Each structure stands twice: as C-alpha cells, then as structure tokens.
Amino acid sequence: MQDYQREFIEFMVRSGVLTFGDFTTKSGRRTPYFVNTGRYRTGKQIERLGEFYASAILDHSEGGFDLLFGPAYKGIPLVVATAMTLATRHDRDVGFCFNRKEAKDHGEGGVLVGHTPRDGDRVLIVEDVTTAGTSIRETVPILEAAAEVTLAGLVVSVDRQERGRGSGGALQEVGEEFRMPTFAICTLDDIVEHLHGREVGGRVVLGDRERERIEAYRAEYGAR
C-alpha cells in the first residue's frame, strides 16, 4: 500500500464518507460499511479528492487516455476535480465530459456536457464506487453512441471486492465485459488493513466487531 492510499483511507473517515454500521447498497445488499461520495462538501475536500484520483490514474493508466468521463451525478464533481489536478499538478491537460440524466432538447441538445468525444478517443471513466457494475453498464452505451471511442479504463475510489453477476469481483467483471482495465484508489482489504485498531480523529472506527461483520459480509458477497 502506498502513502497516498493510506492518506485517502483516513481522508474518507475524517470527511464522513467512509462509515461503519448497517446500510443498503444500490444493488440491494445489506452492508456493514458504506462509502458515500456525496458527503464531500467543501472546496478543499473536492480538491484533495482530485489529487487522490490523479495519483491512482498515473499509477495505473499505462495505456494512456485522451478524455475523462464522469457518470451523472456523483461522477460529475469527480471528473472535474481529477481533470483540474492532472492539469495543474501533473501538466496533463485533458478534456472531460459528463452526461445528463435526461437529454436536453434545446441549446446544444444531447445528453453529454463538456468535451465532445471523437472517433478514436481513449476514454477513462471516473466513478465513485462499483458494487454490482450497474452504473457502468448504463454508462458505456452513452459513450459508444457518441463516437467510436476506446474504453481506456475505469477508476473508482474503493474496490469493495464483491461478486458481480458471477463469482468474480464486480470491478474486474466489468473490466472483462467491456475489455478495459479497472482499478481503484484503494480496496476493502486496504481499508481493513490500515484502519483496524487505528485511531482516526481520536477514535477507533474499525475495531474487532466491525472487522468481524465485514468478514461475514465478504463470506456471503465477496469475490471468489
């Protein structure tokens, strides 16, 4: 685990984004922890978040990319913050775009906002969390309808390391389905390894009980 990954895990806790308790995911699974990217609320937080995404992208996107895409709605601030960080801190000024939930029938029209994808563009998707791959399966057709693009990859904040439609991991399964690399800033294993028994903000957020609940959850839903 790299330093930026450890910093990111604690950053999520301090921001109230990573919490432990009893939650239900978009896929309907009951989970003992939750990652709610919508709880980033300040300019400083979103700036820092962009730095973490940029670090992960530069670590993993060996094949290169021409365009960043953020699925509505949570992907919109993520893709903007990431594009800004790549430009200002890493001298990588790339285009970005995102989609509307409903097509606009006036002005420029369409469902995409920002840089218009062009044939041959290598598009890297910037998303918050993928549990069952549902949002990505909704996203890819939008991109492919806009132009003959190449899917350069998918980056998420946390790989929950859960099963998708089969026995493999949802994130890896999506990558295989759409023939693109997938990666995360950190994984659930990273979170448990770094946080178990560690104080963040003056308290231990992941003790033995929380770890046991996560292990039980993974026994039921974890990737094989």
C-alpha atoms as a PDB file:
ATOM      1  CA  MET A   1       0.000   0.000   0.000  1.00  0.00           C
ATOM      2  CA  GLN A   2       1.331   3.430  -0.931  1.00  0.00           C
ATOM      3  CA  ASP A   3       1.270   6.534   1.235  1.00  0.00           C
ATOM      4  CA  TYR A   4      -1.432   8.240  -0.811  1.00  0.00           C
ATOM      5  CA  GLN A   5      -3.689   5.209  -0.304  1.00  0.00           C
ATOM      6  CA  ARG A   6      -3.273   5.331   3.472  1.00  0.00           C
ATOM      7  CA  GLU A   7      -3.920   9.067   3.413  1.00  0.00           C
ATOM      8  CA  PHE A   8      -7.013   8.537   1.284  1.00  0.00           C
ATOM      9  CA  ILE A   9      -8.500   5.982   3.684  1.00  0.00           C
ATOM     10  CA  GLU A  10      -8.119   8.353   6.625  1.00  0.00           C
ATOM     11  CA  PHE A  11      -9.360  11.241   4.492  1.00  0.00           C
ATOM     12  CA  MET A  12     -12.588   9.318   3.816  1.00  0.00           C
ATOM     13  CA  VAL A  13     -13.095   8.709   7.527  1.00  0.00           C
ATOM     14  CA  ARG A  14     -12.411  12.320   8.508  1.00  0.00           C
ATOM     15  CA  SER A  15     -14.770  13.528   5.774  1.00  0.00           C
ATOM     16  CA  GLY A  16     -17.596  11.279   6.988  1.00  0.00           C
ATOM     17  CA  VAL A  17     -17.568   9.463   3.646  1.00  0.00           C
ATOM     18  CA  LEU A  18     -16.467   6.058   4.949  1.00  0.00           C
ATOM     19  CA  THR A  19     -18.693   4.918   7.798  1.00  0.00           C
ATOM     20  CA  PHE A  20     -19.440   1.653   9.556  1.00  0.00           C
ATOM     21  CA  GLY A  21     -22.885   0.435  10.631  1.00  0.00           C
ATOM     22  CA  ASP A  22     -25.887  -1.037   8.818  1.00  0.00           C
ATOM     23  CA  PHE A  23     -26.564   0.142   5.251  1.00  0.00           C
ATOM     24  CA  THR A  24     -28.134  -0.981   1.967  1.00  0.00           C
ATOM     25  CA  THR A  25     -26.241  -0.588  -1.304  1.00  0.00           C
ATOM     26  CA  LYS A  26     -27.724   0.371  -4.690  1.00  0.00           C
ATOM     27  CA  SER A  27     -27.695  -3.321  -5.580  1.00  0.00           C
ATOM     28  CA  GLY A  28     -29.867  -4.101  -2.522  1.00  0.00           C
ATOM     29  CA  ARG A  29     -27.192  -5.770  -0.411  1.00  0.00           C
ATOM     30  CA  ARG A  30     -27.081  -5.119   3.335  1.00  0.00           C
ATOM     31  CA  THR A  31     -23.555  -3.977   4.168  1.00  0.00           C
ATOM     32  CA  PRO A  32     -21.668  -3.183   7.405  1.00  0.00           C
ATOM     33  CA  TYR A  33     -19.848  -0.248   5.825  1.00  0.00           C
ATOM     34  CA  PHE A  34     -20.684   2.430   3.310  1.00  0.00           C
ATOM     35  CA  VAL A  35     -18.781   4.821   1.044  1.00  0.00           C
ATOM     36  CA  ASN A  36     -20.900   7.914   0.356  1.00  0.00           C
ATOM     37  CA  THR A  37     -19.015  10.205  -2.010  1.00  0.00           C
ATOM     38  CA  GLY A  38     -21.877  12.693  -1.764  1.00  0.00           C
ATOM     39  CA  ARG A  39     -20.638  13.676   1.687  1.00  0.00           C
ATOM     40  CA  TYR A  40     -17.670  15.581   0.300  1.00  0.00           C
ATOM     41  CA  ARG A  41     -18.927  19.111   0.921  1.00  0.00           C
ATOM     42  CA  THR A  42     -16.144  21.669   0.668  1.00  0.00           C
ATOM     43  CA  GLY A  43     -13.814  23.014  -1.958  1.00  0.00           C
ATOM     44  CA  LYS A  44     -10.793  21.748  -0.064  1.00  0.00           C
ATOM     45  CA  GLN A  45     -12.224  18.250   0.171  1.00  0.00           C
ATOM     46  CA  ILE A  46     -13.001  18.019  -3.533  1.00  0.00           C
ATOM     47  CA  GLU A  47      -9.563  19.423  -4.375  1.00  0.00           C
ATOM     48  CA  ARG A  48      -7.928  16.753  -2.222  1.00  0.00           C
ATOM     49  CA  LEU A  49     -10.130  14.070  -3.706  1.00  0.00           C
ATOM     50  CA  GLY A  50      -8.998  15.050  -7.187  1.00  0.00           C
ATOM     51  CA  GLU A  51      -5.404  14.584  -6.056  1.00  0.00           C
ATOM     52  CA  PHE A  52      -6.095  11.031  -4.893  1.00  0.00           C
ATOM     53  CA  TYR A  53      -7.817  10.112  -8.150  1.00  0.00           C
ATOM     54  CA  ALA A  54      -4.990  11.639 -10.170  1.00  0.00           C
ATOM     55  CA  SER A  55      -2.404   9.668  -8.182  1.00  0.00           C
ATOM     56  CA  ALA A  56      -4.240   6.404  -8.834  1.00  0.00           C
ATOM     57  CA  ILE A  57      -4.660   7.210 -12.530  1.00  0.00           C
ATOM     58  CA  LEU A  58      -0.987   7.994 -13.001  1.00  0.00           C
ATOM     59  CA  ASP A  59      -0.115   4.756 -11.187  1.00  0.00           C
ATOM     60  CA  HIS A  60      -2.336   2.523 -13.287  1.00  0.00           C
ATOM     61  CA  SER A  61      -3.139   4.026 -16.697  1.00  0.00           C
ATOM     62  CA  GLU A  62      -0.093   2.827 -18.580  1.00  0.00           C
ATOM     63  CA  GLY A  63      -2.041   2.683 -21.841  1.00  0.00           C
ATOM     64  CA  GLY A  64      -2.842   6.383 -21.808  1.00  0.00           C
ATOM     65  CA  PHE A  65      -6.099   8.286 -22.260  1.00  0.00           C
ATOM     66  CA  ASP A  66      -7.425  11.310 -24.129  1.00  0.00           C
ATOM     67  CA  LEU A  67     -10.678  12.068 -22.321  1.00  0.00           C
ATOM     68  CA  LEU A  68     -12.123  11.697 -18.822  1.00  0.00           C
ATOM     69  CA  PHE A  69     -15.803  10.836 -18.386  1.00  0.00           C
ATOM     70  CA  GLY A  70     -17.850  11.192 -15.180  1.00  0.00           C
ATOM     71  CA  PRO A  71     -21.231   9.423 -14.986  1.00  0.00           C
ATOM     72  CA  ALA A  72     -24.032  11.584 -13.543  1.00  0.00           C
ATOM     73  CA  TYR A  73     -24.437  12.517 -10.829  1.00  0.00           C
ATOM     74  CA  LYS A  74     -21.609  11.719  -8.433  1.00  0.00           C
ATOM     75  CA  GLY A  75     -19.123  11.276 -11.249  1.00  0.00           C
ATOM     76  CA  ILE A  76     -19.525  14.914 -12.305  1.00  0.00           C
ATOM     77  CA  PRO A  77     -17.548  16.613  -9.499  1.00  0.00           C
ATOM     78  CA  LEU A  78     -15.105  13.699  -9.503  1.00  0.00           C
ATOM     79  CA  VAL A  79     -14.200  14.080 -13.170  1.00  0.00           C
ATOM     80  CA  VAL A  80     -13.904  17.872 -12.894  1.00  0.00           C
ATOM     81  CA  ALA A  81     -11.656  17.703  -9.820  1.00  0.00           C
ATOM     82  CA  THR A  82      -9.494  14.995 -11.395  1.00  0.00           C
ATOM     83  CA  ALA A  83      -9.084  16.892 -14.668  1.00  0.00           C
ATOM     84  CA  MET A  84      -8.084  20.043 -12.762  1.00  0.00           C
ATOM     85  CA  THR A  85      -5.488  18.181 -10.701  1.00  0.00           C
ATOM     86  CA  LEU A  86      -3.974  16.476 -13.720  1.00  0.00           C
ATOM     87  CA  ALA A  87      -3.635  19.867 -15.428  1.00  0.00           C
ATOM     88  CA  THR A  88      -2.340  21.956 -12.530  1.00  0.00           C
ATOM     89  CA  ARG A  89      -0.132  19.420 -10.744  1.00  0.00           C
ATOM     90  CA  HIS A  90       0.932  16.989 -13.458  1.00  0.00           C
ATOM     91  CA  ASP A  91       0.887  19.051 -16.667  1.00  0.00           C
ATOM     92  CA  ARG A  92      -1.704  16.707 -18.228  1.00  0.00           C
ATOM     93  CA  ASP A  93      -4.409  18.933 -19.698  1.00  0.00           C
ATOM     94  CA  VAL A  94      -7.044  16.502 -20.978  1.00  0.00           C
ATOM     95  CA  GLY A  95     -10.682  17.045 -21.861  1.00  0.00           C
ATOM     96  CA  PHE A  96     -13.538  15.907 -19.661  1.00  0.00           C
ATOM     97  CA  CYS A  97     -17.247  15.359 -20.104  1.00  0.00           C
ATOM     98  CA  PHE A  98     -20.241  14.012 -18.227  1.00  0.00           C
ATOM     99  CA  ASN A  99     -23.819  13.064 -19.016  1.00  0.00           C
ATOM    100  CA  ARG A 100     -27.228  14.413 -18.143  1.00  0.00           C
ATOM    101  CA  LYS A 101     -29.826  12.015 -16.827  1.00  0.00           C
ATOM    102  CA  GLU A 102     -32.245  13.298 -19.472  1.00  0.00           C
ATOM    103  CA  ALA A 103     -31.458  14.538 -22.967  1.00  0.00           C
ATOM    104  CA  LYS A 104     -31.643  18.308 -23.479  1.00  0.00           C
ATOM    105  CA  ASP A 105     -33.911  19.332 -26.354  1.00  0.00           C
ATOM    106  CA  HIS A 106     -32.762  22.963 -26.682  1.00  0.00           C
ATOM    107  CA  GLY A 107     -29.449  24.820 -26.951  1.00  0.00           C
ATOM    108  CA  GLU A 108     -26.699  22.392 -27.886  1.00  0.00           C
ATOM    109  CA  GLY A 109     -29.002  19.462 -27.046  1.00  0.00           C
ATOM    110  CA  GLY A 110     -27.934  15.917 -26.319  1.00  0.00           C
ATOM    111  CA  VAL A 111     -27.000  14.093 -23.135  1.00  0.00           C
ATOM    112  CA  LEU A 112     -23.290  14.945 -22.921  1.00  0.00           C
ATOM    113  CA  VAL A 113     -21.760  18.101 -21.444  1.00  0.00           C
ATOM    114  CA  GLY A 114     -18.150  19.193 -21.867  1.00  0.00           C
ATOM    115  CA  HIS A 115     -15.635  17.894 -24.380  1.00  0.00           C
ATOM    116  CA  THR A 116     -17.410  16.050 -27.196  1.00  0.00           C
ATOM    117  CA  PRO A 117     -15.995  12.550 -27.697  1.00  0.00           C
ATOM    118  CA  ARG A 118     -14.418  11.980 -31.096  1.00  0.00           C
ATOM    119  CA  ASP A 119     -13.732   8.805 -33.028  1.00  0.00           C
ATOM    120  CA  GLY A 120     -10.558   7.213 -31.709  1.00  0.00           C
ATOM    121  CA  ASP A 121     -10.616   8.934 -28.298  1.00  0.00           C
ATOM    122  CA  ARG A 122      -9.386   6.792 -25.407  1.00  0.00           C
ATOM    123  CA  VAL A 123     -11.893   7.421 -22.625  1.00  0.00           C
ATOM    124  CA  LEU A 124     -11.144   6.855 -18.940  1.00  0.00           C
ATOM    125  CA  ILE A 125     -14.264   6.634 -16.753  1.00  0.00           C
ATOM    126  CA  VAL A 126     -14.079   8.244 -13.302  1.00  0.00           C
ATOM    127  CA  GLU A 127     -16.643   6.777 -10.889  1.00  0.00           C
ATOM    128  CA  ASP A 128     -17.187   6.679  -7.127  1.00  0.00           C
ATOM    129  CA  VAL A 129     -17.826   3.035  -6.156  1.00  0.00           C
ATOM    130  CA  THR A 130     -18.823  -0.037  -8.150  1.00  0.00           C
ATOM    131  CA  THR A 131     -20.698  -2.759  -6.271  1.00  0.00           C
ATOM    132  CA  ALA A 132     -22.525  -4.743  -8.950  1.00  0.00           C
ATOM    133  CA  GLY A 133     -21.437  -2.805 -12.045  1.00  0.00           C
ATOM    134  CA  THR A 134     -24.925  -1.425 -12.726  1.00  0.00           C
ATOM    135  CA  SER A 135     -23.956   2.206 -13.326  1.00  0.00           C
ATOM    136  CA  ILE A 136     -21.111   1.302 -15.698  1.00  0.00           C
ATOM    137  CA  ARG A 137     -23.407  -0.845 -17.814  1.00  0.00           C
ATOM    138  CA  GLU A 138     -25.622   2.224 -18.124  1.00  0.00           C
ATOM    139  CA  THR A 139     -22.647   4.484 -18.928  1.00  0.00           C
ATOM    140  CA  VAL A 140     -20.840   2.594 -21.685  1.00  0.00           C
ATOM    141  CA  PRO A 141     -23.716   2.729 -24.222  1.00  0.00           C
ATOM    142  CA  ILE A 142     -23.836   6.528 -23.829  1.00  0.00           C
ATOM    143  CA  LEU A 143     -20.174   6.816 -24.753  1.00  0.00           C
ATOM    144  CA  GLU A 144     -20.390   4.348 -27.612  1.00  0.00           C
ATOM    145  CA  ALA A 145     -23.402   6.192 -29.025  1.00  0.00           C
ATOM    146  CA  ALA A 146     -21.436   9.464 -29.082  1.00  0.00           C
ATOM    147  CA  ALA A 147     -18.418   8.248 -31.068  1.00  0.00           C
ATOM    148  CA  GLU A 148     -16.246   5.250 -31.876  1.00  0.00           C
ATOM    149  CA  VAL A 149     -14.253   5.535 -28.682  1.00  0.00           C
ATOM    150  CA  THR A 150     -11.867   3.144 -26.968  1.00  0.00           C
ATOM    151  CA  LEU A 151     -12.523   2.450 -23.297  1.00  0.00           C
ATOM    152  CA  ALA A 152      -9.160   3.221 -21.712  1.00  0.00           C
ATOM    153  CA  GLY A 153     -10.256   2.151 -18.246  1.00  0.00           C
ATOM    154  CA  LEU A 154     -12.387   2.683 -15.176  1.00  0.00           C
ATOM    155  CA  VAL A 155     -11.139   4.161 -11.914  1.00  0.00           C
ATOM    156  CA  VAL A 156     -13.203   4.101  -8.718  1.00  0.00           C
ATOM    157  CA  SER A 157     -12.452   5.330  -5.230  1.00  0.00           C
ATOM    158  CA  VAL A 158     -12.941   1.981  -3.453  1.00  0.00           C
ATOM    159  CA  ASP A 159     -12.979  -1.572  -4.786  1.00  0.00           C
ATOM    160  CA  ARG A 160     -15.454  -3.313  -2.470  1.00  0.00           C
ATOM    161  CA  GLN A 161     -14.102  -6.658  -3.765  1.00  0.00           C
ATOM    162  CA  GLU A 162     -17.616  -8.046  -4.089  1.00  0.00           C
ATOM    163  CA  ARG A 163     -19.043 -10.571  -6.511  1.00  0.00           C
ATOM    164  CA  GLY A 164     -20.645  -9.270  -9.641  1.00  0.00           C
ATOM    165  CA  ARG A 165     -23.023 -11.376 -11.719  1.00  0.00           C
ATOM    166  CA  GLY A 166     -20.766 -14.396 -11.345  1.00  0.00           C
ATOM    167  CA  SER A 167     -18.257 -15.464  -8.716  1.00  0.00           C
ATOM    168  CA  GLY A 168     -15.564 -12.969  -9.719  1.00  0.00           C
ATOM    169  CA  GLY A 169     -15.138  -9.421  -8.462  1.00  0.00           C
ATOM    170  CA  ALA A 170     -17.649  -6.879  -9.794  1.00  0.00           C
ATOM    171  CA  LEU A 171     -14.952  -4.389 -10.766  1.00  0.00           C
ATOM    172  CA  GLN A 172     -12.880  -6.999 -12.596  1.00  0.00           C
ATOM    173  CA  GLU A 173     -16.012  -8.459 -14.166  1.00  0.00           C
ATOM    174  CA  VAL A 174     -16.968  -5.074 -15.640  1.00  0.00           C
ATOM    175  CA  GLY A 175     -13.447  -4.724 -16.988  1.00  0.00           C
ATOM    176  CA  GLU A 176     -13.623  -8.115 -18.681  1.00  0.00           C
ATOM    177  CA  GLU A 177     -17.088  -7.413 -20.085  1.00  0.00           C
ATOM    178  CA  PHE A 178     -16.045  -4.148 -21.712  1.00  0.00           C
ATOM    179  CA  ARG A 179     -12.409  -5.143 -22.337  1.00  0.00           C
ATOM    180  CA  MET A 180     -10.888  -2.317 -20.329  1.00  0.00           C
ATOM    181  CA  PRO A 181      -8.558  -2.108 -17.311  1.00  0.00           C
ATOM    182  CA  THR A 182     -10.178  -1.319 -13.962  1.00  0.00           C
ATOM    183  CA  PHE A 183      -8.555  -0.092 -10.773  1.00  0.00           C
ATOM    184  CA  ALA A 184      -9.289   1.725  -7.518  1.00  0.00           C
ATOM    185  CA  ILE A 185      -7.584   4.205  -5.245  1.00  0.00           C
ATOM    186  CA  CYS A 186      -7.869   1.548  -2.533  1.00  0.00           C
ATOM    187  CA  THR A 187      -9.566  -1.780  -1.849  1.00  0.00           C
ATOM    188  CA  LEU A 188     -11.597  -3.125   1.059  1.00  0.00           C
ATOM    189  CA  ASP A 189      -8.542  -5.162   2.069  1.00  0.00           C
ATOM    190  CA  ASP A 190      -6.540  -1.931   2.223  1.00  0.00           C
ATOM    191  CA  ILE A 191      -9.197  -0.309   4.401  1.00  0.00           C
ATOM    192  CA  VAL A 192      -9.313  -3.179   6.889  1.00  0.00           C
ATOM    193  CA  GLU A 193      -5.527  -3.496   6.996  1.00  0.00           C
ATOM    194  CA  HIS A 194      -4.969   0.197   7.626  1.00  0.00           C
ATOM    195  CA  LEU A 195      -7.904   1.050   9.888  1.00  0.00           C
ATOM    196  CA  HIS A 196      -8.261  -1.978  12.156  1.00  0.00           C
ATOM    197  CA  GLY A 197      -7.422  -0.839  15.670  1.00  0.00           C
ATOM    198  CA  ARG A 198      -6.137   2.539  14.451  1.00  0.00           C
ATOM    199  CA  GLU A 199      -7.345   5.861  15.844  1.00  0.00           C
ATOM    200  CA  VAL A 200      -8.515   8.445  13.334  1.00  0.00           C
ATOM    201  CA  GLY A 201      -9.672  11.738  14.755  1.00  0.00           C
ATOM    202  CA  GLY A 202      -9.282  10.451  18.283  1.00  0.00           C
ATOM    203  CA  ARG A 203     -11.299   7.234  17.936  1.00  0.00           C
ATOM    204  CA  VAL A 204     -11.036   3.726  16.549  1.00  0.00           C
ATOM    205  CA  VAL A 205     -13.609   3.405  13.782  1.00  0.00           C
ATOM    206  CA  LEU A 206     -12.855  -0.201  12.829  1.00  0.00           C
ATOM    207  CA  GLY A 207     -12.484  -2.451  15.829  1.00  0.00           C
ATOM    208  CA  ASP A 208     -12.781  -6.210  16.191  1.00  0.00           C
ATOM    209  CA  ARG A 209     -16.591  -6.169  15.949  1.00  0.00           C
ATOM    210  CA  GLU A 210     -16.588  -4.137  12.739  1.00  0.00           C
ATOM    211  CA  ARG A 211     -13.937  -6.364  11.230  1.00  0.00           C
ATOM    212  CA  GLU A 212     -15.951  -9.480  12.080  1.00  0.00           C
ATOM    213  CA  ARG A 213     -19.034  -8.010  10.411  1.00  0.00           C
ATOM    214  CA  ILE A 214     -17.023  -7.189   7.298  1.00  0.00           C
ATOM    215  CA  GLU A 215     -15.614 -10.725   7.215  1.00  0.00           C
ATOM    216  CA  ALA A 216     -19.144 -12.161   7.493  1.00  0.00           C
ATOM    217  CA  TYR A 217     -20.331  -9.874   4.699  1.00  0.00           C
ATOM    218  CA  ARG A 218     -17.456 -10.923   2.473  1.00  0.00           C
ATOM    219  CA  ALA A 219     -18.163 -14.583   3.190  1.00  0.00           C
ATOM    220  CA  GLU A 220     -21.614 -14.010   1.683  1.00  0.00           C
ATOM    221  CA  TYR A 221     -20.884 -11.492  -1.083  1.00  0.00           C
ATOM    222  CA  GLY A 222     -17.128 -11.396  -1.516  1.00  0.00           C
ATOM    223  CA  ALA A 223     -15.444 -12.246  -4.793  1.00  0.00           C
ATOM    224  CA  ARG A 224     -14.048 -15.754  -5.015  1.00  0.00           C
END
